[in-house]
Amino acid sequence: MIQITSHAATKPGERYEVEGGGGQAWRHNYIGFSPMAPDKGQGWLLDSTPQRVLRAHYHAVDQFQVVINGSGLMGKHKVGPGSVHFSRANTPYGPIVWGDEGMGLLTIRVRPDTPGGPKYMPDRRDDLRKTPRNAYQVSQVVRPPRAMNGDVYVEAIPGMQDSNGLAAHAITLKAGASTLAPSPAGTGGQWILVMEGSLIYEGKTYPAFSIAEVSPDEKAFPLQAGPDGLHSMVLSFSREGKQGVDSEVISAKKPQAADRTWLCELCGFIYDEAAGMPEDSIPPGTRWEDVPDSWGCPDCSGTKADFKMVEL
């Protein structure tokens, strides 16, 4: 089954007070939220007043989040149009900070979150540690290529692939060009995002921003660019019950004289002594013992106490 809709076809929901940080938020429900199909995929755009702060939190489901407009911070990472974030179920991330001009943040999931929605940190740290999970998250910035050799450009988005169906691609087409998206077979569900230009599907034009949900039993989705070209993202989820990244097996080891790596047990972020964290004024080669105790995980705001030494 394929569902497709455009931003122009949606109506913003009511504004509501937000948790923490003050301000208000409102949402555009694109796909899902039908009482007749409560367990199906969901895609919605969340807008918010500037400088809103949403505390670090986690959800019980895998999700992609894509910045459509504006700018802000995801953890300590600057994000803007084209930034895409993937987080596995029960992986904390944040805080999310909306910038001076606000930020439109699209969230897509193959099934709804559990009742109660986001679980905020550090309140739920003890619950999180007791939850069987495979913590993993990654953020990337995806932009159209400056120049193209040919009519179609396909780019795999780094860090968003595994052997169980997880995949993310950016596909750019020149005006009038066409190609097939990667097959949804073997995935847990696939979503097509029209980021720039327009998509022609079954004789109808879908401008930016439009979104399509493609079920795993469908054929590869036909991408056809409109007269202004097309820049799209194709985001595929892991199969249900198969939520592991191929590089997930990490074992602890005793300290050695060589540079070491340290894993945030909450979200999976890696601190590499050889690389340091120059953006946090921690130069390359800084030993873990010399990292300030006040330093926190850039992905989920965890503390130094939440890290353990690992062998990659």
Protein backbone atom coordinates (compact mmCIF):
# COMPACT_ATOMS: atom_id res chain seq x y z
CA MET A 1 0.00 0.00 0.00
CA ILE A 2 1.20 3.50 -0.86
CA GLN A 3 -0.05 6.63 0.88
CA ILE A 4 1.09 10.04 -0.34
CA THR A 5 0.20 13.59 0.62
CA SER A 6 1.60 17.11 0.43
CA HIS A 7 2.07 19.79 3.05
CA ALA A 8 -0.56 21.92 1.32
CA ALA A 9 -3.13 19.15 1.84
CA THR A 10 -2.72 19.11 5.61
CA LYS A 11 -4.12 21.42 8.24
CA PRO A 12 -2.11 22.44 11.30
CA GLY A 13 -3.36 20.97 14.52
CA GLU A 14 -4.11 23.04 17.57
CA ARG A 15 -1.27 24.77 19.36
CA TYR A 16 -0.42 23.34 22.74
CA GLU A 17 1.87 24.17 25.61
CA VAL A 18 5.18 22.36 25.43
CA GLU A 19 7.05 20.38 28.08
CA GLY A 20 10.00 22.36 29.41
CA GLY A 21 11.58 25.46 27.95
CA GLY A 22 8.35 27.41 27.55
CA GLY A 23 6.63 28.34 24.31
CA GLN A 24 4.11 26.53 22.14
CA ALA A 25 4.15 23.88 19.44
CA TRP A 26 1.74 22.75 16.73
CA ARG A 27 1.79 19.86 14.30
CA HIS A 28 0.78 18.90 10.77
CA ASN A 29 -0.37 15.26 10.64
CA TYR A 30 0.64 13.91 7.22
CA ILE A 31 0.03 10.17 7.39
CA GLY A 32 -1.37 7.93 10.12
CA PHE A 33 -3.39 8.83 13.21
CA SER A 34 -6.51 7.11 11.88
CA PRO A 35 -8.65 5.42 14.56
CA MET A 36 -9.27 2.69 11.95
CA ALA A 37 -5.53 1.89 11.77
CA PRO A 38 -4.01 2.72 15.16
CA ASP A 39 -0.93 0.52 14.69
CA LYS A 40 0.20 1.83 11.30
CA GLY A 41 3.01 4.19 10.38
CA GLN A 42 2.91 7.85 11.29
CA GLY A 43 4.46 10.95 9.79
CA TRP A 44 4.02 14.48 11.09
CA LEU A 45 5.70 17.87 11.05
CA LEU A 46 6.24 19.68 14.36
CA ASP A 47 6.67 23.46 14.37
CA SER A 48 7.45 25.43 17.48
CA THR A 49 8.02 28.92 18.76
CA PRO A 50 11.70 30.02 18.70
CA GLN A 51 14.07 29.00 21.48
CA ARG A 52 11.88 26.15 22.68
CA VAL A 53 13.87 23.53 24.59
CA LEU A 54 12.81 19.89 24.68
CA ARG A 55 14.74 17.87 27.26
CA ALA A 56 16.76 14.79 26.30
CA HIS A 57 14.37 11.85 25.99
CA TYR A 58 13.75 8.55 24.24
CA HIS A 59 10.90 6.62 22.61
CA ALA A 60 9.96 2.94 22.51
CA VAL A 61 10.13 2.84 18.68
CA ASP A 62 12.69 3.46 15.94
CA GLN A 63 12.32 6.81 14.21
CA PHE A 64 13.76 9.18 11.62
CA GLN A 65 13.61 12.94 12.13
CA VAL A 66 14.31 15.42 9.33
CA VAL A 67 14.66 19.20 9.58
CA ILE A 68 12.49 20.79 6.90
CA ASN A 69 13.11 24.45 7.67
CA GLY A 70 14.69 26.70 10.27
CA SER A 71 17.55 25.59 12.49
CA GLY A 72 18.46 24.53 15.99
CA LEU A 73 20.41 21.99 18.01
CA MET A 74 20.01 18.23 18.38
CA GLY A 75 22.09 17.52 21.45
CA LYS A 76 25.21 19.57 20.72
CA HIS A 77 24.85 19.15 16.95
CA LYS A 78 23.77 22.10 14.82
CA VAL A 79 20.92 21.11 12.51
CA GLY A 80 19.18 22.85 9.64
CA PRO A 81 17.31 22.05 6.41
CA GLY A 82 18.35 18.60 5.18
CA SER A 83 19.61 17.36 8.56
CA VAL A 84 18.40 13.81 9.23
CA HIS A 85 18.57 11.99 12.56
CA PHE A 86 17.94 8.29 13.16
CA SER A 87 17.46 6.78 16.62
CA ARG A 88 16.72 3.22 17.58
CA ALA A 89 14.05 2.35 20.10
CA ASN A 90 14.99 3.24 23.68
CA THR A 91 17.94 5.41 22.63
CA PRO A 92 17.96 8.83 24.33
CA TYR A 93 18.82 11.97 22.37
CA GLY A 94 18.71 15.72 22.86
CA PRO A 95 18.00 18.18 24.19
CA ILE A 96 16.38 19.66 21.08
CA VAL A 97 16.66 23.45 20.94
CA TRP A 98 14.69 25.45 18.39
CA GLY A 99 16.66 28.36 16.88
CA ASP A 100 15.80 32.07 16.66
CA GLU A 101 13.62 31.51 13.58
CA GLY A 102 12.03 28.31 14.86
CA MET A 103 12.38 24.91 13.19
CA GLY A 104 10.15 22.48 11.33
CA LEU A 105 10.96 18.92 12.44
CA LEU A 106 9.45 15.95 10.61
CA THR A 107 9.12 12.67 12.54
CA ILE A 108 8.34 9.33 10.87
CA ARG A 109 7.75 5.93 12.48
CA VAL A 110 6.45 2.59 11.25
CA ARG A 111 4.24 2.29 14.32
CA PRO A 112 3.09 4.58 17.12
CA ASP A 113 5.05 5.15 20.30
CA THR A 114 3.88 3.49 23.51
CA PRO A 115 1.31 5.31 25.65
CA GLY A 116 2.83 8.22 27.50
CA GLY A 117 5.02 9.28 24.59
CA PRO A 118 8.54 10.59 25.23
CA LYS A 119 10.40 9.39 28.31
CA TYR A 120 12.52 12.21 29.68
CA MET A 121 16.05 12.05 31.01
CA PRO A 122 17.48 11.92 33.60
CA ASP A 123 14.15 10.95 35.23
CA ARG A 124 13.95 7.65 33.32
CA ARG A 125 17.66 6.69 33.50
CA ASP A 126 17.03 3.77 35.87
CA ASP A 127 14.15 2.48 33.72
CA LEU A 128 16.31 2.76 30.62
CA ARG A 129 19.14 0.72 32.12
CA LYS A 130 16.69 -2.10 32.87
CA THR A 131 15.28 -2.13 29.32
CA PRO A 132 16.67 -4.68 26.80
CA ARG A 133 17.73 -2.57 23.84
CA ASN A 134 20.26 -1.86 21.11
CA ALA A 135 21.16 1.80 21.60
CA TYR A 136 22.13 3.57 18.39
CA GLN A 137 21.68 6.98 16.82
CA VAL A 138 23.29 9.06 14.09
CA SER A 139 22.86 12.54 12.60
CA GLN A 140 23.82 13.59 9.07
CA VAL A 141 23.32 16.61 6.82
CA VAL A 142 22.07 15.83 3.30
CA ARG A 143 22.07 18.46 0.55
CA PRO A 144 21.57 18.28 -3.23
CA PRO A 145 24.81 17.93 -5.22
CA ARG A 146 26.23 21.16 -6.61
CA ALA A 147 26.78 19.52 -9.99
CA MET A 148 25.54 16.28 -11.55
CA ASN A 149 27.10 13.99 -14.14
CA GLY A 150 23.96 12.54 -15.66
CA ASP A 151 20.30 12.84 -14.85
CA VAL A 152 20.23 10.87 -11.59
CA TYR A 153 22.41 11.10 -8.48
CA VAL A 154 22.06 8.55 -5.66
CA GLU A 155 23.84 8.91 -2.31
CA ALA A 156 23.69 6.47 0.59
CA ILE A 157 23.41 8.41 3.85
CA PRO A 158 26.29 7.20 6.08
CA GLY A 159 25.57 5.33 9.30
CA MET A 160 21.98 4.49 8.37
CA GLN A 161 22.31 0.99 6.93
CA ASP A 162 22.20 -2.52 8.35
CA SER A 163 21.56 -6.06 7.12
CA ASN A 164 17.99 -6.07 8.46
CA GLY A 165 16.46 -3.44 6.16
CA LEU A 166 17.60 -0.13 7.63
CA ALA A 167 18.66 2.15 4.78
CA ALA A 168 18.67 5.83 3.90
CA HIS A 169 19.37 7.42 0.51
CA ALA A 170 19.30 10.87 -1.01
CA ILE A 171 18.23 10.79 -4.66
CA THR A 172 18.42 13.86 -6.91
CA LEU A 173 16.97 14.00 -10.43
CA LYS A 174 17.20 16.61 -13.13
CA ALA A 175 13.99 18.03 -14.54
CA GLY A 176 11.90 15.31 -16.22
CA ALA A 177 14.27 12.49 -15.27
CA SER A 178 13.00 9.29 -13.67
CA THR A 179 14.35 6.30 -11.73
CA LEU A 180 13.23 3.72 -9.20
CA ALA A 181 13.75 4.11 -5.47
CA PRO A 182 15.46 1.19 -3.71
CA SER A 183 13.08 -1.73 -3.28
CA PRO A 184 11.12 -1.74 -0.01
CA ALA A 185 11.21 -5.56 0.06
CA GLY A 186 13.03 -6.81 3.14
CA THR A 187 12.51 -3.57 5.06
CA GLY A 188 10.10 -2.73 7.84
CA GLY A 189 8.55 0.03 5.73
CA GLN A 190 9.81 2.85 3.55
CA TRP A 191 9.15 6.59 3.35
CA ILE A 192 9.76 8.97 0.42
CA LEU A 193 10.31 12.66 1.21
CA VAL A 194 10.15 15.43 -1.41
CA MET A 195 12.71 17.89 -0.08
CA GLU A 196 13.12 20.23 -3.08
CA GLY A 197 11.55 20.50 -6.53
CA SER A 198 8.58 18.27 -7.22
CA LEU A 199 7.56 14.63 -7.71
CA ILE A 200 5.15 13.41 -10.38
CA TYR A 201 3.24 10.31 -9.30
CA GLU A 202 0.27 8.81 -11.15
CA GLY A 203 -0.20 12.02 -13.13
CA LYS A 204 -0.28 14.30 -10.08
CA THR A 205 2.44 16.75 -9.03
CA TYR A 206 3.61 16.73 -5.40
CA PRO A 207 5.74 19.75 -4.47
CA ALA A 208 8.12 20.18 -1.58
CA PHE A 209 7.24 19.31 1.06
CA SER A 210 5.40 16.01 0.34
CA ILE A 211 5.65 12.58 1.94
CA ALA A 212 4.81 9.02 0.84
CA GLU A 213 4.63 5.79 2.84
CA VAL A 214 5.48 2.59 0.94
CA SER A 215 4.73 -0.80 2.50
CA PRO A 216 7.29 -3.65 2.20
CA ASP A 217 5.10 -5.64 -0.21
CA GLU A 218 5.03 -2.86 -2.81
CA LYS A 219 7.24 -2.66 -5.87
CA ALA A 220 10.06 -0.10 -5.99
CA PHE A 221 8.56 3.39 -5.92
CA PRO A 222 8.84 5.28 -9.25
CA LEU A 223 10.57 8.63 -8.84
CA GLN A 224 9.85 11.13 -11.61
CA ALA A 225 11.05 14.71 -11.36
CA GLY A 226 8.85 17.65 -12.22
CA PRO A 227 9.92 20.65 -14.34
CA ASP A 228 12.06 22.04 -11.50
CA GLY A 229 13.87 18.77 -10.75
CA LEU A 230 13.61 16.64 -7.60
CA HIS A 231 15.70 16.22 -4.47
CA SER A 232 14.33 13.43 -2.29
CA MET A 233 15.14 11.18 0.65
CA VAL A 234 14.25 7.50 0.78
CA LEU A 235 14.21 6.27 4.38
CA SER A 236 13.69 2.58 5.19
CA PHE A 237 13.23 0.97 8.59
CA SER A 238 14.59 -2.33 9.88
CA ARG A 239 12.23 -5.28 9.84
CA GLU A 240 10.17 -5.63 13.00
CA GLY A 241 12.11 -7.57 15.61
CA LYS A 242 15.34 -7.17 13.60
CA GLN A 243 16.73 -3.97 15.04
CA GLY A 244 20.48 -4.45 15.12
CA VAL A 245 23.35 -2.63 13.44
CA ASP A 246 26.07 -4.88 12.05
CA SER A 247 28.75 -3.20 14.17
CA GLU A 248 26.81 -3.32 17.42
CA VAL A 249 28.86 -5.98 19.24
CA ILE A 250 31.17 -4.08 21.57
CA SER A 251 33.15 -5.76 24.36
CA ALA A 252 34.81 -4.17 27.39
CA LYS A 253 38.59 -4.38 27.85
CA LYS A 254 41.15 -3.42 30.47
CA PRO A 255 42.92 -0.04 30.17
CA GLN A 256 46.03 -0.03 28.00
CA ALA A 257 48.66 2.58 27.26
CA ALA A 258 47.32 3.17 23.72
CA ASP A 259 44.46 5.52 22.97
CA ARG A 260 41.17 4.12 24.21
CA THR A 261 37.51 4.49 23.30
CA TRP A 262 34.60 5.07 25.66
CA LEU A 263 30.96 4.22 25.02
CA CYS A 264 27.94 6.13 26.35
CA GLU A 265 25.82 3.27 27.67
CA LEU A 266 22.67 5.36 27.31
CA CYS A 267 22.81 6.24 23.62
CA GLY A 268 25.85 4.56 22.03
CA PHE A 269 28.01 7.65 21.42
CA ILE A 270 31.75 6.89 21.25
CA TYR A 271 34.46 9.12 22.74
CA ASP A 272 37.80 8.36 21.04
CA GLU A 273 40.83 9.56 22.97
CA ALA A 274 42.80 9.90 19.73
CA ALA A 275 40.21 12.25 18.22
CA GLY A 276 39.20 14.12 21.38
CA MET A 277 36.32 16.59 21.10
CA PRO A 278 37.83 19.80 19.69
CA GLU A 279 34.36 21.35 19.36
CA ASP A 280 34.12 21.05 23.16
CA SER A 281 37.69 22.37 23.70
CA ILE A 282 38.99 18.82 24.35
CA PRO A 283 42.03 18.43 22.04
CA PRO A 284 42.96 15.19 20.23
CA GLY A 285 44.87 12.80 22.45
CA THR A 286 43.06 13.82 25.64
CA ARG A 287 42.92 10.85 27.98
CA TRP A 288 39.56 10.03 29.51
CA GLU A 289 40.88 10.81 32.96
CA ASP A 290 41.63 14.35 31.79
CA VAL A 291 38.20 15.00 30.28
CA PRO A 292 36.45 17.46 32.63
CA ASP A 293 33.89 15.85 34.92
CA SER A 294 31.43 18.52 33.77
CA TRP A 295 31.60 17.29 30.15
CA GLY A 296 28.47 15.56 28.86
CA CYS A 297 27.57 13.29 25.95
CA PRO A 298 26.93 15.42 22.83
CA ASP A 299 24.13 13.14 21.66
CA CYS A 300 22.02 12.57 24.78
CA SER A 301 23.48 14.83 27.54
CA GLY A 302 24.60 11.81 29.58
CA THR A 303 27.37 12.33 32.15
CA LYS A 304 30.90 10.90 32.28
CA ALA A 305 29.54 8.30 34.71
CA ASP A 306 27.38 6.93 31.88
CA PHE A 307 30.46 5.91 29.81
CA LYS A 308 32.43 2.67 29.87
CA MET A 309 35.65 1.74 28.11
CA VAL A 310 35.18 -0.50 25.05
CA GLU A 311 37.02 -2.20 22.23
CA LEU A 312 35.71 -1.41 18.77
